[in-house]
Amino acid sequence: MAEIKKDINENYIEEVKKALKEIKYGSLTLIIQDGKVIQIDKTEKVRL
């Protein structure tokens, strides 16, 4: 069971890393419910 939970946590970490690499200006918000990440919001700003 702990191994499954570890895999799930690693998936969240990979998604966060991917989002961070894609964004230049903006914010990244993790939505957590009952101690688990349920959503990742990415807001990107375009600077002119």
PDB file of N, CA and C in Angstrom:
ATOM      1  N   MET A   1       0.829  -1.201   0.000  1.00  0.00           N
ATOM      2  CA  MET A   1       0.000   0.000   0.000  1.00  0.00           C
ATOM      3  C   MET A   1       0.864   1.252   0.000  1.00  0.00           C
ATOM      4  N   ALA A   2       1.941   1.268   0.791  1.00  0.00           N
ATOM      5  CA  ALA A   2       2.823   2.431   0.843  1.00  0.00           C
ATOM      6  C   ALA A   2       3.482   2.674  -0.511  1.00  0.00           C
ATOM      7  N   GLU A   3       3.771   1.592  -1.240  1.00  0.00           N
ATOM      8  CA  GLU A   3       4.393   1.729  -2.557  1.00  0.00           C
ATOM      9  C   GLU A   3       3.438   2.397  -3.546  1.00  0.00           C
ATOM     10  N   ILE A   4       2.160   2.048  -3.493  1.00  0.00           N
ATOM     11  CA  ILE A   4       1.163   2.685  -4.369  1.00  0.00           C
ATOM     12  C   ILE A   4       1.067   4.166  -4.043  1.00  0.00           C
ATOM     13  N   LYS A   5       1.016   4.494  -2.759  1.00  0.00           N
ATOM     14  CA  LYS A   5       0.925   5.891  -2.342  1.00  0.00           C
ATOM     15  C   LYS A   5       2.156   6.662  -2.802  1.00  0.00           C
ATOM     16  N   LYS A   6       3.329   6.038  -2.729  1.00  0.00           N
ATOM     17  CA  LYS A   6       4.561   6.686  -3.177  1.00  0.00           C
ATOM     18  C   LYS A   6       4.496   6.971  -4.676  1.00  0.00           C
ATOM     19  N   ASP A   7       4.003   6.029  -5.470  1.00  0.00           N
ATOM     20  CA  ASP A   7       3.870   6.229  -6.917  1.00  0.00           C
ATOM     21  C   ASP A   7       2.933   7.389  -7.227  1.00  0.00           C
ATOM     22  N   ILE A   8       1.828   7.467  -6.500  1.00  0.00           N
ATOM     23  CA  ILE A   8       0.876   8.559  -6.706  1.00  0.00           C
ATOM     24  C   ILE A   8       1.542   9.890  -6.388  1.00  0.00           C
ATOM     25  N   ASN A   9       2.266   9.975  -5.282  1.00  0.00           N
ATOM     26  CA  ASN A   9       2.957  11.201  -4.906  1.00  0.00           C
ATOM     27  C   ASN A   9       4.004  11.577  -5.947  1.00  0.00           C
ATOM     28  N   GLU A  10       4.705  10.605  -6.499  1.00  0.00           N
ATOM     29  CA  GLU A  10       5.700  10.886  -7.527  1.00  0.00           C
ATOM     30  C   GLU A  10       5.028  11.419  -8.790  1.00  0.00           C
ATOM     31  N   ASN A  11       3.831  10.932  -9.099  1.00  0.00           N
ATOM     32  CA  ASN A  11       3.098  11.456 -10.252  1.00  0.00           C
ATOM     33  C   ASN A  11       2.758  12.924 -10.052  1.00  0.00           C
ATOM     34  N   TYR A  12       2.342  13.305  -8.851  1.00  0.00           N
ATOM     35  CA  TYR A  12       2.050  14.708  -8.549  1.00  0.00           C
ATOM     36  C   TYR A  12       3.313  15.544  -8.723  1.00  0.00           C
ATOM     37  N   ILE A  13       4.406  15.044  -8.225  1.00  0.00           N
ATOM     38  CA  ILE A  13       5.666  15.771  -8.316  1.00  0.00           C
ATOM     39  C   ILE A  13       6.065  15.958  -9.778  1.00  0.00           C
ATOM     40  N   GLU A  14       5.893  14.935 -10.595  1.00  0.00           N
ATOM     41  CA  GLU A  14       6.221  15.045 -12.016  1.00  0.00           C
ATOM     42  C   GLU A  14       5.325  16.067 -12.711  1.00  0.00           C
ATOM     43  N   GLU A  15       4.046  16.095 -12.366  1.00  0.00           N
ATOM     44  CA  GLU A  15       3.126  17.077 -12.957  1.00  0.00           C
ATOM     45  C   GLU A  15       3.514  18.500 -12.564  1.00  0.00           C
ATOM     46  N   VAL A  16       3.914  18.684 -11.317  1.00  0.00           N
ATOM     47  CA  VAL A  16       4.333  20.007 -10.845  1.00  0.00           C
ATOM     48  C   VAL A  16       5.615  20.422 -11.571  1.00  0.00           C
ATOM     49  N   LYS A  17       6.563  19.511 -11.702  1.00  0.00           N
ATOM     50  CA  LYS A  17       7.802  19.812 -12.428  1.00  0.00           C
ATOM     51  C   LYS A  17       7.509  20.213 -13.870  1.00  0.00           C
ATOM     52  N   LYS A  18       6.621  19.474 -14.516  1.00  0.00           N
ATOM     53  CA  LYS A  18       6.252  19.767 -15.908  1.00  0.00           C
ATOM     54  C   LYS A  18       5.647  21.162 -16.023  1.00  0.00           C
ATOM     55  N   ALA A  19       4.735  21.491 -15.122  1.00  0.00           N
ATOM     56  CA  ALA A  19       4.085  22.799 -15.144  1.00  0.00           C
ATOM     57  C   ALA A  19       5.102  23.911 -14.902  1.00  0.00           C
ATOM     58  N   LEU A  20       6.038  23.676 -13.999  1.00  0.00           N
ATOM     59  CA  LEU A  20       7.057  24.695 -13.705  1.00  0.00           C
ATOM     60  C   LEU A  20       7.967  24.940 -14.905  1.00  0.00           C
ATOM     61  N   LYS A  21       8.276  23.899 -15.642  1.00  0.00           N
ATOM     62  CA  LYS A  21       9.126  24.048 -16.825  1.00  0.00           C
ATOM     63  C   LYS A  21       8.417  24.817 -17.933  1.00  0.00           C
ATOM     64  N   GLU A  22       7.099  24.700 -18.006  1.00  0.00           N
ATOM     65  CA  GLU A  22       6.328  25.315 -19.089  1.00  0.00           C
ATOM     66  C   GLU A  22       5.998  26.787 -18.846  1.00  0.00           C
ATOM     67  N   ILE A  23       6.073  27.241 -17.611  1.00  0.00           N
ATOM     68  CA  ILE A  23       5.623  28.591 -17.284  1.00  0.00           C
ATOM     69  C   ILE A  23       6.830  29.526 -17.118  1.00  0.00           C
ATOM     70  N   LYS A  24       6.709  30.722 -17.697  1.00  0.00           N
ATOM     71  CA  LYS A  24       7.787  31.707 -17.565  1.00  0.00           C
ATOM     72  C   LYS A  24       7.407  32.774 -16.542  1.00  0.00           C
ATOM     73  N   TYR A  25       6.193  33.312 -16.649  1.00  0.00           N
ATOM     74  CA  TYR A  25       5.663  34.285 -15.684  1.00  0.00           C
ATOM     75  C   TYR A  25       4.278  33.812 -15.270  1.00  0.00           C
ATOM     76  N   GLY A  26       3.977  33.821 -14.013  1.00  0.00           N
ATOM     77  CA  GLY A  26       2.642  33.438 -13.569  1.00  0.00           C
ATOM     78  C   GLY A  26       2.676  32.740 -12.223  1.00  0.00           C
ATOM     79  N   SER A  27       1.698  31.865 -12.030  1.00  0.00           N
ATOM     80  CA  SER A  27       1.608  31.165 -10.749  1.00  0.00           C
ATOM     81  C   SER A  27       1.136  29.729 -10.940  1.00  0.00           C
ATOM     82  N   LEU A  28       1.475  28.921  -9.973  1.00  0.00           N
ATOM     83  CA  LEU A  28       1.079  27.525  -9.943  1.00  0.00           C
ATOM     84  C   LEU A  28       0.428  27.291  -8.579  1.00  0.00           C
ATOM     85  N   THR A  29      -0.792  26.767  -8.576  1.00  0.00           N
ATOM     86  CA  THR A  29      -1.529  26.555  -7.333  1.00  0.00           C
ATOM     87  C   THR A  29      -1.911  25.093  -7.206  1.00  0.00           C
ATOM     88  N   LEU A  30      -1.595  24.500  -6.073  1.00  0.00           N
ATOM     89  CA  LEU A  30      -2.008  23.127  -5.788  1.00  0.00           C
ATOM     90  C   LEU A  30      -3.261  23.179  -4.939  1.00  0.00           C
ATOM     91  N   ILE A  31      -4.285  22.456  -5.354  1.00  0.00           N
ATOM     92  CA  ILE A  31      -5.521  22.355  -4.577  1.00  0.00           C
ATOM     93  C   ILE A  31      -5.457  21.015  -3.839  1.00  0.00           C
ATOM     94  N   ILE A  32      -5.571  21.085  -2.527  1.00  0.00           N
ATOM     95  CA  ILE A  32      -5.428  19.898  -1.684  1.00  0.00           C
ATOM     96  C   ILE A  32      -6.721  19.670  -0.917  1.00  0.00           C
ATOM     97  N   GLN A  33      -7.161  18.408  -0.903  1.00  0.00           N
ATOM     98  CA  GLN A  33      -8.361  18.031  -0.163  1.00  0.00           C
ATOM     99  C   GLN A  33      -8.063  16.727   0.568  1.00  0.00           C
ATOM    100  N   ASP A  34      -8.347  16.701   1.841  1.00  0.00           N
ATOM    101  CA  ASP A  34      -8.083  15.525   2.685  1.00  0.00           C
ATOM    102  C   ASP A  34      -6.633  15.069   2.589  1.00  0.00           C
ATOM    103  N   GLY A  35      -5.719  16.039   2.504  1.00  0.00           N
ATOM    104  CA  GLY A  35      -4.296  15.729   2.473  1.00  0.00           C
ATOM    105  C   GLY A  35      -3.782  15.219   1.136  1.00  0.00           C
ATOM    106  N   LYS A  36      -4.597  15.292   0.079  1.00  0.00           N
ATOM    107  CA  LYS A  36      -4.186  14.800  -1.237  1.00  0.00           C
ATOM    108  C   LYS A  36      -4.337  15.914  -2.260  1.00  0.00           C
ATOM    109  N   VAL A  37      -3.390  15.978  -3.185  1.00  0.00           N
ATOM    110  CA  VAL A  37      -3.492  16.942  -4.278  1.00  0.00           C
ATOM    111  C   VAL A  37      -4.596  16.473  -5.210  1.00  0.00           C
ATOM    112  N   ILE A  38      -5.595  17.332  -5.429  1.00  0.00           N
ATOM    113  CA  ILE A  38      -6.693  16.952  -6.321  1.00  0.00           C
ATOM    114  C   ILE A  38      -6.709  17.770  -7.602  1.00  0.00           C
ATOM    115  N   GLN A  39      -5.939  18.891  -7.602  1.00  0.00           N
ATOM    116  CA  GLN A  39      -5.961  19.749  -8.780  1.00  0.00           C
ATOM    117  C   GLN A  39      -4.709  20.613  -8.801  1.00  0.00           C
ATOM    118  N   ILE A  40      -4.207  20.872  -9.999  1.00  0.00           N
ATOM    119  CA  ILE A  40      -3.095  21.793 -10.195  1.00  0.00           C
ATOM    120  C   ILE A  40      -3.583  22.878 -11.142  1.00  0.00           C
ATOM    121  N   ASP A  41      -3.550  24.134 -10.678  1.00  0.00           N
ATOM    122  CA  ASP A  41      -3.953  25.273 -11.509  1.00  0.00           C
ATOM    123  C   ASP A  41      -2.705  26.033 -11.919  1.00  0.00           C
ATOM    124  N   LYS A  42      -2.617  26.348 -13.216  1.00  0.00           N
ATOM    125  CA  LYS A  42      -1.491  27.116 -13.726  1.00  0.00           C
ATOM    126  C   LYS A  42      -2.058  28.373 -14.389  1.00  0.00           C
ATOM    127  N   THR A  43      -1.577  29.525 -13.938  1.00  0.00           N
ATOM    128  CA  THR A  43      -1.969  30.800 -14.525  1.00  0.00           C
ATOM    129  C   THR A  43      -0.711  31.436 -15.098  1.00  0.00           C
ATOM    130  N   GLU A  44      -0.723  31.662 -16.383  1.00  0.00           N
ATOM    131  CA  GLU A  44       0.457  32.217 -17.030  1.00  0.00           C
ATOM    132  C   GLU A  44       0.205  33.641 -17.475  1.00  0.00           C
ATOM    133  N   LYS A  45       1.165  34.492 -17.215  1.00  0.00           N
ATOM    134  CA  LYS A  45       1.106  35.896 -17.620  1.00  0.00           C
ATOM    135  C   LYS A  45       1.919  36.058 -18.901  1.00  0.00           C
ATOM    136  N   VAL A  46       1.437  36.917 -19.772  1.00  0.00           N
ATOM    137  CA  VAL A  46       2.173  37.223 -21.000  1.00  0.00           C
ATOM    138  C   VAL A  46       2.675  38.651 -20.869  1.00  0.00           C
ATOM    139  N   ARG A  47       3.983  38.782 -20.838  1.00  0.00           N
ATOM    140  CA  ARG A  47       4.592  40.105 -20.694  1.00  0.00           C
ATOM    141  C   ARG A  47       4.982  40.621 -22.070  1.00  0.00           C
ATOM    142  N   LEU A  48       4.566  41.837 -22.359  1.00  0.00           N
ATOM    143  CA  LEU A  48       4.863  42.455 -23.659  1.00  0.00           C
ATOM    144  C   LEU A  48       5.929  43.517 -23.526  1.00  0.00           C
TER     145      LEU A  48
END
